[in-house]
Amino acid sequence: MAYIEMRHCYKRYTAGEVEVIANNDINFEINKGELVIILGASGAGKSTILNILGGMDTVSEGVIHHQSERHFRDVCRSLYIFK
């Protein structure tokens, strides 16, 4: 079982009458002890993924699983400060 798993996650924002899709069908799993790099162009949704994983934002649709919620959020917040 993965330590962290995102399945079919979407993040949508509404700006007036325009719907902005920040993340579209994100799927990945991370096993305990793995090093992960989130790489992409400016505006690709990297910070949105970190905000969601750190508990500072929510997905519009999809499922996130992790084995140790408290430990996971502490680690993500620490990493996010130094991004």
Foldseek 3Di string as FASTA:
>chain_A
DFQKWWFQFWAWDDDDPDIDTQDGGDTDGHHPPDDDDDDDDPSNNPVVVLCCQLVNDHTPDTDMDHDDNVVSNVVSVVVVVVD
